[in-house]
Amino acid sequence: MKDKKHYCLIPIGVLTIERRIKMATKTLKITMTAVTILALVFMTGCESDGQTGALLGAGAGAGIGQLAGRSTEATLIGSAVGGGIGYLVGNEQDKQKAAADREDIRYAMNTETIHVTNTNGSIIAVNLQRSGPGYIGPRGEYYPSLPTQDQLRPVYGF
């Protein structure tokens, strides 16, 4: 009997494409894992939200660039764009934190706290705000100079 040859009906090019897809998927997973690990390692060393945003944006942008373009150029462009956007967002957060800190400092500098001791021994803290040369109490009353416990006790104590 004559031996019959068996032929594969799947074209060779299809196997190559499947192999390429598997390799690209594996490479992408490794790249994203490395970027995530680096982001976690370096995120603790960032001094500002701007730096943290740039780092995270660059990592996310690199991943998105790789997914979209599947080339080194696309990855680098994605990383640059993501880093820039991340920095801008983080820098705005830094500005908001600095403004809040300045407001807290202004409030603390313009506030005096007088502790009023009541007849039963309990103590009430009365916060007074500076207003020009005088002070304004929590109920809106004005004192031309810093009031004493005895002046505040009729209003806030018992």
Protein backbone atom coordinates (compact mmCIF):
# COMPACT_ATOMS: atom_id res chain seq x y z
CA MET A 1 0.00 0.00 0.00
CA LYS A 2 1.02 3.45 -0.73
CA ASP A 3 1.48 5.84 2.26
CA LYS A 4 -0.78 8.84 2.16
CA LYS A 5 0.54 12.15 3.31
CA HIS A 6 -1.55 14.11 5.78
CA TYR A 7 -1.69 17.82 5.23
CA CYS A 8 -2.56 20.45 7.79
CA LEU A 9 -5.46 22.59 6.63
CA ILE A 10 -4.45 25.60 8.80
CA PRO A 11 -2.27 28.03 6.89
CA ILE A 12 1.17 28.60 8.35
CA GLY A 13 0.61 32.40 8.51
CA VAL A 14 -2.28 31.97 10.97
CA LEU A 15 -0.09 30.13 13.45
CA THR A 16 2.49 32.88 13.18
CA ILE A 17 -0.13 35.54 13.91
CA GLU A 18 -1.43 33.58 16.91
CA ARG A 19 2.11 33.20 18.18
CA ARG A 20 2.72 36.94 17.73
CA ILE A 21 -0.47 37.78 19.64
CA LYS A 22 0.58 35.54 22.53
CA MET A 23 4.05 37.09 22.60
CA ALA A 24 2.67 40.62 22.48
CA THR A 25 0.19 39.84 25.26
CA LYS A 26 2.94 38.36 27.40
CA THR A 27 5.21 41.34 26.74
CA LEU A 28 2.42 43.76 27.61
CA LYS A 29 1.69 41.93 30.86
CA ILE A 30 5.35 42.01 31.83
CA THR A 31 5.64 45.69 30.93
CA MET A 32 2.52 46.68 32.88
CA THR A 33 3.66 44.64 35.89
CA ALA A 34 7.08 46.31 35.82
CA VAL A 35 5.54 49.77 35.48
CA THR A 36 3.16 49.08 38.38
CA ILE A 37 5.97 47.82 40.61
CA LEU A 38 8.16 50.80 39.75
CA ALA A 39 5.28 53.18 40.39
CA LEU A 40 4.67 51.66 43.82
CA VAL A 41 8.36 51.76 44.69
CA PHE A 42 8.92 55.34 43.56
CA MET A 43 5.55 56.71 44.71
CA THR A 44 6.69 56.65 48.31
CA GLY A 45 9.74 58.72 47.38
CA CYS A 46 7.83 61.50 45.64
CA GLU A 47 7.84 64.77 47.58
CA SER A 48 4.81 66.31 45.92
CA ASP A 49 1.57 65.38 44.23
CA GLY A 50 3.02 66.82 41.02
CA GLN A 51 5.87 64.30 41.06
CA THR A 52 3.56 61.45 41.99
CA GLY A 53 1.15 62.44 39.22
CA ALA A 54 3.96 62.59 36.67
CA LEU A 55 5.17 59.14 37.67
CA LEU A 56 1.74 57.52 37.62
CA GLY A 57 0.75 59.35 34.44
CA ALA A 58 3.92 58.23 32.68
CA GLY A 59 3.29 54.61 33.67
CA ALA A 60 -0.34 54.69 32.60
CA GLY A 61 0.53 56.54 29.40
CA ALA A 62 3.20 53.99 28.53
CA GLY A 63 0.69 51.17 28.93
CA ILE A 64 -1.95 52.93 26.89
CA GLY A 65 0.60 53.85 24.23
CA GLN A 66 1.75 50.24 23.98
CA LEU A 67 -1.83 49.00 23.70
CA ALA A 68 -2.74 51.57 21.08
CA GLY A 69 0.36 51.57 18.89
CA ARG A 70 2.17 48.32 19.72
CA SER A 71 5.52 49.99 19.15
CA THR A 72 8.30 51.56 21.18
CA GLU A 73 7.50 54.95 19.68
CA ALA A 74 3.85 54.75 20.78
CA THR A 75 4.93 53.66 24.26
CA LEU A 76 7.34 56.60 24.58
CA ILE A 77 4.78 59.10 23.30
CA GLY A 78 2.13 57.71 25.66
CA SER A 79 4.57 57.91 28.55
CA ALA A 80 5.47 61.53 27.78
CA VAL A 81 1.86 62.64 27.36
CA GLY A 82 0.71 60.73 30.45
CA GLY A 83 3.57 62.11 32.53
CA GLY A 84 2.78 65.67 31.46
CA ILE A 85 -0.92 65.35 32.21
CA GLY A 86 -0.20 63.61 35.52
CA TYR A 87 2.16 66.41 36.54
CA LEU A 88 -0.39 69.11 35.69
CA VAL A 89 -3.11 67.41 37.74
CA GLY A 90 -0.78 66.73 40.68
CA ASN A 91 0.62 70.26 40.60
CA GLU A 92 -2.90 71.71 40.89
CA GLN A 93 -3.46 69.51 43.94
CA ASP A 94 -0.21 70.84 45.42
CA LYS A 95 -1.42 74.41 44.87
CA GLN A 96 -4.74 73.68 46.60
CA LYS A 97 -2.95 72.11 49.59
CA ALA A 98 -0.61 75.10 49.86
CA ALA A 99 -3.54 77.54 49.78
CA ALA A 100 -5.35 75.57 52.50
CA ASP A 101 -2.17 75.53 54.61
CA ARG A 102 -1.78 79.31 54.24
CA GLU A 103 -5.41 79.82 55.28
CA ASP A 104 -4.88 77.63 58.35
CA ILE A 105 -1.80 79.64 59.30
CA ARG A 106 -3.65 82.95 58.88
CA TYR A 107 -6.49 81.66 61.06
CA ALA A 108 -4.08 80.46 63.75
CA MET A 109 -2.17 83.75 63.72
CA ASN A 110 -5.37 85.76 64.16
CA THR A 111 -6.93 83.58 66.85
CA GLU A 112 -6.47 83.85 70.60
CA THR A 113 -7.90 81.21 72.92
CA ILE A 114 -8.89 82.18 76.45
CA HIS A 115 -9.77 79.35 78.86
CA VAL A 116 -12.60 80.39 81.15
CA THR A 117 -12.87 78.49 84.43
CA ASN A 118 -16.47 78.14 85.61
CA THR A 119 -17.69 78.08 89.21
CA ASN A 120 -17.96 74.27 89.14
CA GLY A 121 -14.32 73.90 87.97
CA SER A 122 -15.07 73.08 84.33
CA ILE A 123 -13.14 74.96 81.65
CA ILE A 124 -14.50 76.43 78.42
CA ALA A 125 -12.18 77.46 75.58
CA VAL A 126 -13.26 80.75 73.97
CA ASN A 127 -11.68 81.49 70.56
CA LEU A 128 -11.36 85.20 69.77
CA GLN A 129 -10.53 86.56 66.31
CA ARG A 130 -8.33 89.62 65.92
CA SER A 131 -10.04 92.51 64.22
CA GLY A 132 -7.80 95.54 63.89
CA PRO A 133 -6.70 96.52 67.40
CA GLY A 134 -9.51 94.56 69.09
CA TYR A 135 -11.04 91.10 69.21
CA ILE A 136 -14.36 89.58 68.16
CA GLY A 137 -15.89 86.79 70.25
CA PRO A 138 -17.69 83.70 68.92
CA ARG A 139 -21.07 85.43 69.37
CA GLY A 140 -19.98 88.52 67.46
CA GLU A 141 -19.27 90.79 70.45
CA TYR A 142 -16.36 93.22 70.11
CA TYR A 143 -13.62 93.74 72.72
CA PRO A 144 -11.28 96.76 72.31
CA SER A 145 -8.41 94.73 73.84
CA LEU A 146 -7.75 91.11 74.73
CA PRO A 147 -10.43 90.22 77.33
CA THR A 148 -9.71 88.44 80.59
CA GLN A 149 -11.43 85.37 82.00
CA ASP A 150 -13.50 87.62 84.26
CA GLN A 151 -14.77 89.62 81.25
CA LEU A 152 -15.65 86.44 79.30
CA ARG A 153 -17.25 84.46 82.16
CA PRO A 154 -20.60 86.36 82.13
CA VAL A 155 -20.99 85.66 78.41
CA TYR A 156 -19.54 82.13 78.04
CA GLY A 157 -19.30 80.69 81.53
CA PHE A 158 -21.60 80.16 84.48
